[in-house]
Protein backbone atom coordinates (compact mmCIF):
# COMPACT_ATOMS: atom_id res chain seq x y z
CA MET A 1 -4.93 2.43 5.46
CA LYS A 2 -3.79 0.03 8.09
CA ASN A 3 -3.34 2.99 10.43
CA GLY A 4 -7.05 3.73 10.88
CA LYS A 5 -8.10 4.93 7.43
CA HIS A 6 -11.41 3.55 6.31
CA VAL A 7 -13.48 2.53 3.31
CA GLU A 8 -17.05 3.71 2.85
CA PHE A 9 -20.04 2.91 0.63
CA ASN A 10 -23.72 3.78 0.74
CA CYS A 11 -26.04 1.16 2.22
CA LEU A 12 -27.85 -0.79 -0.48
CA ASP A 13 -31.15 -0.78 1.40
CA ASP A 14 -33.63 1.17 -0.76
CA VAL A 15 -34.87 3.20 2.21
CA CYS A 16 -31.58 3.68 4.09
CA GLY A 17 -28.76 4.67 1.70
CA LYS A 18 -26.61 5.94 4.62
CA PRO A 19 -22.80 5.56 4.61
CA VAL A 20 -21.39 2.24 5.81
CA GLN A 21 -17.77 2.53 6.97
CA PHE A 22 -15.24 -0.18 7.76
CA LYS A 23 -11.52 -0.69 8.11
CA LEU A 24 -9.66 -3.35 6.14
CA LEU A 25 -8.29 -4.79 9.36
CA GLU A 26 -11.85 -5.28 10.63
CA ILE A 27 -12.90 -7.48 7.71
CA GLU A 28 -9.75 -9.58 7.99
CA THR A 29 -10.95 -10.78 11.39
CA SER A 30 -14.70 -10.64 10.76
CA PRO A 31 -15.95 -10.23 7.17
CA ILE A 32 -19.50 -9.33 8.25
CA ILE A 33 -20.19 -5.60 8.62
CA ARG A 34 -23.48 -3.90 9.43
CA CYS A 35 -25.00 -0.62 8.40
CA PRO A 36 -25.01 1.53 11.55
CA ASN A 37 -28.34 3.05 10.52
CA CYS A 38 -30.58 0.14 9.43
CA GLY A 39 -28.56 -2.93 10.52
CA LYS A 40 -28.33 -4.52 7.04
CA GLU A 41 -25.48 -7.03 6.96
CA TYR A 42 -22.79 -7.28 4.30
CA ASN A 43 -20.43 -10.25 3.95
CA LEU A 44 -17.13 -8.86 2.63
CA ASN A 45 -15.09 -12.04 2.31
CA GLY A 46 -13.42 -13.97 -0.47
CA ASN A 47 -12.96 -12.22 -3.80
CA PHE A 48 -14.23 -8.90 -2.42
CA HIS A 49 -11.56 -8.84 0.29
CA LYS A 50 -8.88 -9.89 -2.20
CA LYS A 51 -9.71 -6.97 -4.51
CA LEU A 52 -9.64 -4.50 -1.62
CA LYS A 53 -6.19 -5.73 -0.59
CA LYS A 54 -4.91 -5.34 -4.16
CA PHE A 55 -6.30 -1.81 -4.30
CA GLU A 56 -4.60 -1.05 -0.99
CA SER A 57 -1.32 -2.31 -2.47
CA LEU A 58 -1.82 0.00 -5.46
CA ILE A 59 -2.24 2.99 -3.15
CA TYR A 60 0.94 2.08 -1.27
CA ALA A 61 2.82 1.69 -4.58
CA ILE A 62 1.77 5.22 -5.52
CA LYS A 63 3.00 6.43 -2.13
CA ASP A 64 6.30 4.64 -2.70
CA ALA A 65 6.70 6.39 -6.10
CA GLU A 66 6.05 9.85 -4.61
CA GLU A 67 9.60 11.10 -5.26
CA ILE A 68 9.21 10.75 -9.06
CA LEU A 69 5.63 11.97 -9.36
CA GLY A 70 6.72 15.58 -9.90
CA ASP A 71 8.43 14.43 -13.11
CA THR A 72 5.48 12.29 -14.27
CA ASN A 73 2.48 13.46 -16.28
CA VAL A 74 -0.76 12.05 -17.60
CA ALA A 75 -1.26 13.23 -21.19
CA VAL A 76 -4.67 13.54 -22.83
CA ASN A 77 -4.95 14.19 -26.56
CA TYR A 78 -7.88 16.42 -27.51
CA ARG A 79 -8.37 17.87 -30.99
CA ASN A 80 -4.73 17.47 -31.95
CA HIS A 81 -3.51 19.09 -28.73
CA GLU A 82 -1.81 17.28 -25.93
CA ILE A 83 -2.78 18.35 -22.44
CA ARG A 84 -0.42 17.24 -19.69
CA ILE A 85 -1.56 16.95 -16.11
CA PRO A 86 1.14 16.42 -13.47
CA TYR A 87 0.51 13.04 -11.86
CA ARG A 88 1.09 14.47 -8.40
CA LEU A 89 -1.61 17.10 -8.98
CA LEU A 90 -3.97 14.49 -10.35
CA LEU A 91 -3.61 12.34 -7.23
CA THR A 92 -4.11 15.18 -4.77
CA ARG A 93 -7.24 16.53 -6.48
CA MET A 94 -9.19 13.34 -7.13
CA ASN A 95 -11.16 11.00 -4.91
CA THR A 96 -9.96 7.44 -4.57
CA LEU A 97 -12.82 5.16 -5.64
CA LEU A 98 -13.16 1.47 -6.46
CA THR A 99 -16.34 0.19 -8.15
CA MET A 100 -17.35 -3.32 -7.10
CA ASN A 101 -20.36 -5.59 -7.29
CA ILE A 102 -22.15 -5.99 -3.95
CA GLY A 103 -25.40 -7.93 -3.90
CA GLY A 104 -25.78 -7.66 -7.69
CA LYS A 105 -25.40 -3.87 -7.67
CA LYS A 106 -22.42 -1.76 -8.70
CA VAL A 107 -21.23 0.12 -5.64
CA GLU A 108 -18.57 2.81 -5.40
CA LEU A 109 -16.25 2.29 -2.46
CA ARG A 110 -14.69 5.54 -1.27
CA PHE A 111 -11.28 5.24 0.31
CA ARG A 112 -11.03 7.98 2.93
CA VAL A 113 -7.32 8.49 2.38
CA GLU A 114 -5.42 10.62 -0.08
CA PRO A 115 -2.73 8.51 -1.79
CA LEU A 116 -0.11 11.19 -1.11
CA GLY A 117 -1.44 12.07 2.33
CA MET A 118 -0.95 8.61 3.81
CA GLU A 119 1.01 8.21 6.98
CA GLU A 120 3.64 5.52 7.26
């Protein structure tokens, strides 16, 4: 994500609701971001920034484990049957989301990067 990938959430303004995008590198230098549509400001410092960095580290750890993902499954037990989903398939078919509290509201942050599609 350091190579230009971005994070996105919908503006919390009741009227706006448009996507607000930012890069992690941007909030390291200036934690204030603005909605490009309505101008509402968001202060993304402290604990918020720390959680985003940890999530970024998780995504890089998944990328680092790519060579074993073909041998790894997620198993779900349903009515006495085990359903196995290859971890690699799971990661390439799902959106990467992180739910956080912003301004007293739960907000889903969408990471616009596929864990296995990341560039070095």
